[in-house]
């Protein structure tokens, strides 16, 4: 019964994110400091987002950061980290439909850590039938102080970085914009 409820809750965006339409042209590696993926998405502080049911973001261990075949290596700077985004992920027998390696500048690492933690909280809440999401403003605050509560002084440059992050993650199917319901 629970499995049926979970399957019935999947959306078209869960099953086929926009990036899947660009395969095989989608870059397998993305520099979050300069990417233009998803640039058509307009983002406001008040916008609400939720996580895809079929995507996950994980920080790669430092040993994976040192792979010499990565074209991202030349852009990596002190404090930057690598992440892997898996969409429609498989298991040991079947690969993910989409796997993108992300290079995050130090200025976005707190935001990414917050997103990973928030997704876990949202998944636990979904099991209890309480859907959770977040606003762009909460992510901006997390990018500055590591948590979404309280006032955070963010520069215009940091807002630009957070918008770029939201656009890339939305394009790749990790985030979905939550549209207000019509009254």
C-alpha atoms as a PDB file:
ATOM      1  CA  UNK A   1       0.000   0.000   0.000  1.00  0.00           C
ATOM      2  CA  UNK A   2       2.820   2.421   0.903  1.00  0.00           C
ATOM      3  CA  UNK A   3       4.738   1.562  -2.281  1.00  0.00           C
ATOM      4  CA  UNK A   4       1.660   2.293  -4.375  1.00  0.00           C
ATOM      5  CA  UNK A   5       1.220   5.664  -2.628  1.00  0.00           C
ATOM      6  CA  UNK A   6       4.890   6.536  -3.277  1.00  0.00           C
ATOM      7  CA  UNK A   7       4.688   5.558  -6.952  1.00  0.00           C
ATOM      8  CA  UNK A   8       1.453   7.477  -7.429  1.00  0.00           C
ATOM      9  CA  UNK A   9       3.052  10.591  -5.938  1.00  0.00           C
ATOM     10  CA  UNK A  10       5.753  10.737  -8.648  1.00  0.00           C
ATOM     11  CA  UNK A  11       5.469  13.627 -11.075  1.00  0.00           C
ATOM     12  CA  UNK A  12       6.577  14.003 -14.689  1.00  0.00           C
ATOM     13  CA  UNK A  13       9.456  16.164 -13.412  1.00  0.00           C
ATOM     14  CA  UNK A  14      10.554  13.322 -11.124  1.00  0.00           C
ATOM     15  CA  UNK A  15      10.619  10.839 -13.973  1.00  0.00           C
ATOM     16  CA  UNK A  16      12.011  13.049 -16.718  1.00  0.00           C
ATOM     17  CA  UNK A  17      13.876  16.180 -15.599  1.00  0.00           C
ATOM     18  CA  UNK A  18      14.636  18.782 -18.256  1.00  0.00           C
ATOM     19  CA  UNK A  19      18.270  17.752 -18.425  1.00  0.00           C
ATOM     20  CA  UNK A  20      17.279  14.285 -19.631  1.00  0.00           C
ATOM     21  CA  UNK A  21      15.982  15.874 -22.811  1.00  0.00           C
ATOM     22  CA  UNK A  22      19.497  17.146 -23.553  1.00  0.00           C
ATOM     23  CA  UNK A  23      21.199  13.772 -23.181  1.00  0.00           C
ATOM     24  CA  UNK A  24      23.778  13.085 -24.642  1.00  0.00           C
ATOM     25  CA  UNK A  25      24.652  16.799 -24.840  1.00  0.00           C
ATOM     26  CA  UNK A  26      24.356  17.417 -21.104  1.00  0.00           C
ATOM     27  CA  UNK A  27      27.767  18.002 -19.578  1.00  0.00           C
ATOM     28  CA  UNK A  28      28.751  15.238 -17.177  1.00  0.00           C
ATOM     29  CA  UNK A  29      30.739  17.811 -15.181  1.00  0.00           C
ATOM     30  CA  UNK A  30      29.493  21.248 -14.124  1.00  0.00           C
ATOM     31  CA  UNK A  31      31.383  24.116 -12.536  1.00  0.00           C
ATOM     32  CA  UNK A  32      28.827  25.812 -10.267  1.00  0.00           C
ATOM     33  CA  UNK A  33      30.866  29.022 -10.299  1.00  0.00           C
ATOM     34  CA  UNK A  34      30.244  29.633 -14.006  1.00  0.00           C
ATOM     35  CA  UNK A  35      27.548  27.297 -15.363  1.00  0.00           C
ATOM     36  CA  UNK A  36      24.671  28.675 -17.410  1.00  0.00           C
ATOM     37  CA  UNK A  37      22.532  25.520 -17.221  1.00  0.00           C
ATOM     38  CA  UNK A  38      18.926  26.393 -16.450  1.00  0.00           C
ATOM     39  CA  UNK A  39      19.522  30.109 -16.996  1.00  0.00           C
ATOM     40  CA  UNK A  40      15.958  30.575 -18.275  1.00  0.00           C
ATOM     41  CA  UNK A  41      14.535  29.910 -14.784  1.00  0.00           C
ATOM     42  CA  UNK A  42      13.596  33.139 -12.995  1.00  0.00           C
ATOM     43  CA  UNK A  43      14.222  32.911  -9.244  1.00  0.00           C
ATOM     44  CA  UNK A  44      12.901  35.207  -6.500  1.00  0.00           C
ATOM     45  CA  UNK A  45      13.638  35.139  -2.767  1.00  0.00           C
ATOM     46  CA  UNK A  46      10.065  34.070  -2.035  1.00  0.00           C
ATOM     47  CA  UNK A  47      10.064  31.115  -4.475  1.00  0.00           C
ATOM     48  CA  UNK A  48       9.358  27.699  -2.958  1.00  0.00           C
ATOM     49  CA  UNK A  49      11.210  24.541  -3.943  1.00  0.00           C
ATOM     50  CA  UNK A  50      10.976  20.854  -3.139  1.00  0.00           C
ATOM     51  CA  UNK A  51      13.245  17.910  -3.828  1.00  0.00           C
ATOM     52  CA  UNK A  52      12.681  15.347  -6.535  1.00  0.00           C
ATOM     53  CA  UNK A  53      11.679  11.930  -5.249  1.00  0.00           C
ATOM     54  CA  UNK A  54      14.161  10.282  -7.616  1.00  0.00           C
ATOM     55  CA  UNK A  55      17.290  12.415  -7.262  1.00  0.00           C
ATOM     56  CA  UNK A  56      20.032  12.612  -4.694  1.00  0.00           C
ATOM     57  CA  UNK A  57      23.054  14.854  -4.143  1.00  0.00           C
ATOM     58  CA  UNK A  58      26.129  13.541  -2.342  1.00  0.00           C
ATOM     59  CA  UNK A  59      29.484  15.058  -1.490  1.00  0.00           C
ATOM     60  CA  UNK A  60      32.325  13.076  -3.032  1.00  0.00           C
ATOM     61  CA  UNK A  61      35.134  11.943  -0.754  1.00  0.00           C
ATOM     62  CA  UNK A  62      38.409  13.867  -1.108  1.00  0.00           C
ATOM     63  CA  UNK A  63      40.115  10.960  -2.910  1.00  0.00           C
ATOM     64  CA  UNK A  64      37.558  11.333  -5.740  1.00  0.00           C
ATOM     65  CA  UNK A  65      38.440  15.028  -5.915  1.00  0.00           C
ATOM     66  CA  UNK A  66      41.902  14.102  -7.136  1.00  0.00           C
ATOM     67  CA  UNK A  67      40.857  12.221 -10.277  1.00  0.00           C
ATOM     68  CA  UNK A  68      43.262  13.350 -12.955  1.00  0.00           C
ATOM     69  CA  UNK A  69      40.855  12.763 -15.836  1.00  0.00           C
ATOM     70  CA  UNK A  70      38.492  15.502 -14.692  1.00  0.00           C
ATOM     71  CA  UNK A  71      38.404  18.685 -16.737  1.00  0.00           C
ATOM     72  CA  UNK A  72      37.017  20.355 -13.608  1.00  0.00           C
ATOM     73  CA  UNK A  73      40.349  19.871 -11.841  1.00  0.00           C
ATOM     74  CA  UNK A  74      41.889  22.889 -13.521  1.00  0.00           C
ATOM     75  CA  UNK A  75      39.097  25.079 -12.064  1.00  0.00           C
ATOM     76  CA  UNK A  76      39.263  23.691  -8.521  1.00  0.00           C
ATOM     77  CA  UNK A  77      40.516  26.153  -5.928  1.00  0.00           C
ATOM     78  CA  UNK A  78      41.298  25.988  -2.231  1.00  0.00           C
ATOM     79  CA  UNK A  79      38.136  25.129  -0.311  1.00  0.00           C
ATOM     80  CA  UNK A  80      36.147  23.946  -3.311  1.00  0.00           C
ATOM     81  CA  UNK A  81      34.469  20.540  -3.181  1.00  0.00           C
ATOM     82  CA  UNK A  82      33.061  17.988  -5.571  1.00  0.00           C
ATOM     83  CA  UNK A  83      29.536  16.574  -5.462  1.00  0.00           C
ATOM     84  CA  UNK A  84      27.655  13.987  -7.505  1.00  0.00           C
ATOM     85  CA  UNK A  85      24.048  14.466  -8.498  1.00  0.00           C
ATOM     86  CA  UNK A  86      22.208  11.260  -9.376  1.00  0.00           C
ATOM     87  CA  UNK A  87      18.784  11.389 -10.984  1.00  0.00           C
ATOM     88  CA  UNK A  88      16.622   8.314 -11.478  1.00  0.00           C
ATOM     89  CA  UNK A  89      19.378   6.451  -9.683  1.00  0.00           C
ATOM     90  CA  UNK A  90      19.937   2.755  -9.996  1.00  0.00           C
ATOM     91  CA  UNK A  91      21.754   0.221  -7.873  1.00  0.00           C
ATOM     92  CA  UNK A  92      24.815  -1.987  -8.187  1.00  0.00           C
ATOM     93  CA  UNK A  93      23.383  -3.551 -11.364  1.00  0.00           C
ATOM     94  CA  UNK A  94      21.928  -0.515 -13.107  1.00  0.00           C
ATOM     95  CA  UNK A  95      23.567   2.900 -13.366  1.00  0.00           C
ATOM     96  CA  UNK A  96      21.760   6.179 -12.722  1.00  0.00           C
ATOM     97  CA  UNK A  97      20.087   7.608 -15.786  1.00  0.00           C
ATOM     98  CA  UNK A  98      21.834  10.878 -15.086  1.00  0.00           C
ATOM     99  CA  UNK A  99      25.002  11.465 -13.072  1.00  0.00           C
ATOM    100  CA  UNK A 100      26.573  14.897 -13.016  1.00  0.00           C
ATOM    101  CA  UNK A 101      29.779  15.759 -11.168  1.00  0.00           C
ATOM    102  CA  UNK A 102      29.560  19.255  -9.692  1.00  0.00           C
ATOM    103  CA  UNK A 103      32.446  21.489  -8.661  1.00  0.00           C
ATOM    104  CA  UNK A 104      31.285  23.847  -5.909  1.00  0.00           C
ATOM    105  CA  UNK A 105      33.272  26.924  -4.946  1.00  0.00           C
ATOM    106  CA  UNK A 106      33.843  27.413  -1.233  1.00  0.00           C
ATOM    107  CA  UNK A 107      31.092  30.075  -1.222  1.00  0.00           C
ATOM    108  CA  UNK A 108      28.433  27.430  -2.037  1.00  0.00           C
ATOM    109  CA  UNK A 109      29.637  24.532   0.128  1.00  0.00           C
ATOM    110  CA  UNK A 110      27.472  25.520   3.133  1.00  0.00           C
ATOM    111  CA  UNK A 111      24.426  25.805   0.883  1.00  0.00           C
ATOM    112  CA  UNK A 112      25.053  22.353  -0.600  1.00  0.00           C
ATOM    113  CA  UNK A 113      25.589  20.793   2.833  1.00  0.00           C
ATOM    114  CA  UNK A 114      22.321  22.390   3.970  1.00  0.00           C
ATOM    115  CA  UNK A 115      20.482  21.055   0.895  1.00  0.00           C
ATOM    116  CA  UNK A 116      21.723  17.509   1.521  1.00  0.00           C
ATOM    117  CA  UNK A 117      20.625  17.679   5.167  1.00  0.00           C
ATOM    118  CA  UNK A 118      17.305  19.318   4.273  1.00  0.00           C
ATOM    119  CA  UNK A 119      16.537  16.631   1.696  1.00  0.00           C
ATOM    120  CA  UNK A 120      16.971  13.952   4.362  1.00  0.00           C
ATOM    121  CA  UNK A 121      14.587  15.834   6.681  1.00  0.00           C
ATOM    122  CA  UNK A 122      12.089  16.191   3.854  1.00  0.00           C
ATOM    123  CA  UNK A 123      12.225  12.479   3.064  1.00  0.00           C
ATOM    124  CA  UNK A 124      11.567  11.632   6.730  1.00  0.00           C
ATOM    125  CA  UNK A 125       8.678  14.110   6.831  1.00  0.00           C
ATOM    126  CA  UNK A 126       7.236  12.690   3.598  1.00  0.00           C
ATOM    127  CA  UNK A 127       7.073   9.260   5.229  1.00  0.00           C
ATOM    128  CA  UNK A 128       4.989  10.906   7.962  1.00  0.00           C
ATOM    129  CA  UNK A 129       2.801  12.499   5.243  1.00  0.00           C
ATOM    130  CA  UNK A 130       4.061  16.040   5.985  1.00  0.00           C
ATOM    131  CA  UNK A 131       5.653  17.412   2.809  1.00  0.00           C
ATOM    132  CA  UNK A 132       8.445  19.929   3.394  1.00  0.00           C
ATOM    133  CA  UNK A 133      10.334  22.192   1.070  1.00  0.00           C
ATOM    134  CA  UNK A 134      12.209  25.452   1.366  1.00  0.00           C
ATOM    135  CA  UNK A 135      12.372  28.949  -0.049  1.00  0.00           C
ATOM    136  CA  UNK A 136      15.178  30.555  -2.009  1.00  0.00           C
ATOM    137  CA  UNK A 137      15.552  32.940   0.936  1.00  0.00           C
ATOM    138  CA  UNK A 138      16.204  30.012   3.307  1.00  0.00           C
ATOM    139  CA  UNK A 139      18.864  28.637   0.965  1.00  0.00           C
ATOM    140  CA  UNK A 140      20.497  32.071   0.736  1.00  0.00           C
ATOM    141  CA  UNK A 141      20.626  32.285   4.543  1.00  0.00           C
ATOM    142  CA  UNK A 142      22.090  28.763   4.724  1.00  0.00           C
ATOM    143  CA  UNK A 143      24.761  29.725   2.189  1.00  0.00           C
ATOM    144  CA  UNK A 144      25.901  32.509   4.518  1.00  0.00           C
ATOM    145  CA  UNK A 145      25.575  31.015   8.013  1.00  0.00           C
ATOM    146  CA  UNK A 146      24.947  27.303   7.476  1.00  0.00           C
ATOM    147  CA  UNK A 147      21.349  27.420   8.686  1.00  0.00           C
ATOM    148  CA  UNK A 148      18.125  28.792   7.287  1.00  0.00           C
ATOM    149  CA  UNK A 149      16.906  30.503  10.452  1.00  0.00           C
ATOM    150  CA  UNK A 150      17.759  34.005  11.510  1.00  0.00           C
ATOM    151  CA  UNK A 151      18.887  37.035   9.603  1.00  0.00           C
ATOM    152  CA  UNK A 152      21.844  36.627   7.319  1.00  0.00           C
ATOM    153  CA  UNK A 153      23.675  39.454   5.634  1.00  0.00           C
ATOM    154  CA  UNK A 154      24.151  38.256   2.087  1.00  0.00           C
ATOM    155  CA  UNK A 155      25.807  40.206  -0.671  1.00  0.00           C
ATOM    156  CA  UNK A 156      24.357  40.597  -4.132  1.00  0.00           C
ATOM    157  CA  UNK A 157      27.171  38.380  -5.389  1.00  0.00           C
ATOM    158  CA  UNK A 158      26.123  35.601  -2.992  1.00  0.00           C
ATOM    159  CA  UNK A 159      22.502  35.872  -4.161  1.00  0.00           C
ATOM    160  CA  UNK A 160      23.758  35.495  -7.754  1.00  0.00           C
ATOM    161  CA  UNK A 161      25.672  32.334  -6.758  1.00  0.00           C
ATOM    162  CA  UNK A 162      22.630  30.864  -4.993  1.00  0.00           C
ATOM    163  CA  UNK A 163      20.395  31.606  -7.995  1.00  0.00           C
ATOM    164  CA  UNK A 164      22.919  29.865 -10.269  1.00  0.00           C
ATOM    165  CA  UNK A 165      22.934  26.870  -7.891  1.00  0.00           C
ATOM    166  CA  UNK A 166      19.115  26.683  -7.882  1.00  0.00           C
ATOM    167  CA  UNK A 167      19.018  26.909 -11.679  1.00  0.00           C
ATOM    168  CA  UNK A 168      21.564  24.124 -12.205  1.00  0.00           C
ATOM    169  CA  UNK A 169      19.995  21.824  -9.619  1.00  0.00           C
ATOM    170  CA  UNK A 170      16.508  22.466 -11.026  1.00  0.00           C
ATOM    171  CA  UNK A 171      17.671  21.843 -14.576  1.00  0.00           C
ATOM    172  CA  UNK A 172      19.293  18.556 -13.555  1.00  0.00           C
ATOM    173  CA  UNK A 173      16.149  17.433 -11.731  1.00  0.00           C
ATOM    174  CA  UNK A 174      17.262  17.647  -8.100  1.00  0.00           C
ATOM    175  CA  UNK A 175      15.011  20.613  -7.263  1.00  0.00           C
ATOM    176  CA  UNK A 176      11.500  21.402  -8.426  1.00  0.00           C
ATOM    177  CA  UNK A 177       9.770  24.740  -8.271  1.00  0.00           C
ATOM    178  CA  UNK A 178       6.579  24.610  -6.215  1.00  0.00           C
ATOM    179  CA  UNK A 179       3.905  26.646  -7.888  1.00  0.00           C
ATOM    180  CA  UNK A 180       1.241  28.218  -5.679  1.00  0.00           C
ATOM    181  CA  UNK A 181      -2.108  26.474  -5.974  1.00  0.00           C
ATOM    182  CA  UNK A 182      -4.826  28.354  -7.815  1.00  0.00           C
ATOM    183  CA  UNK A 183      -7.573  29.585  -5.518  1.00  0.00           C
END
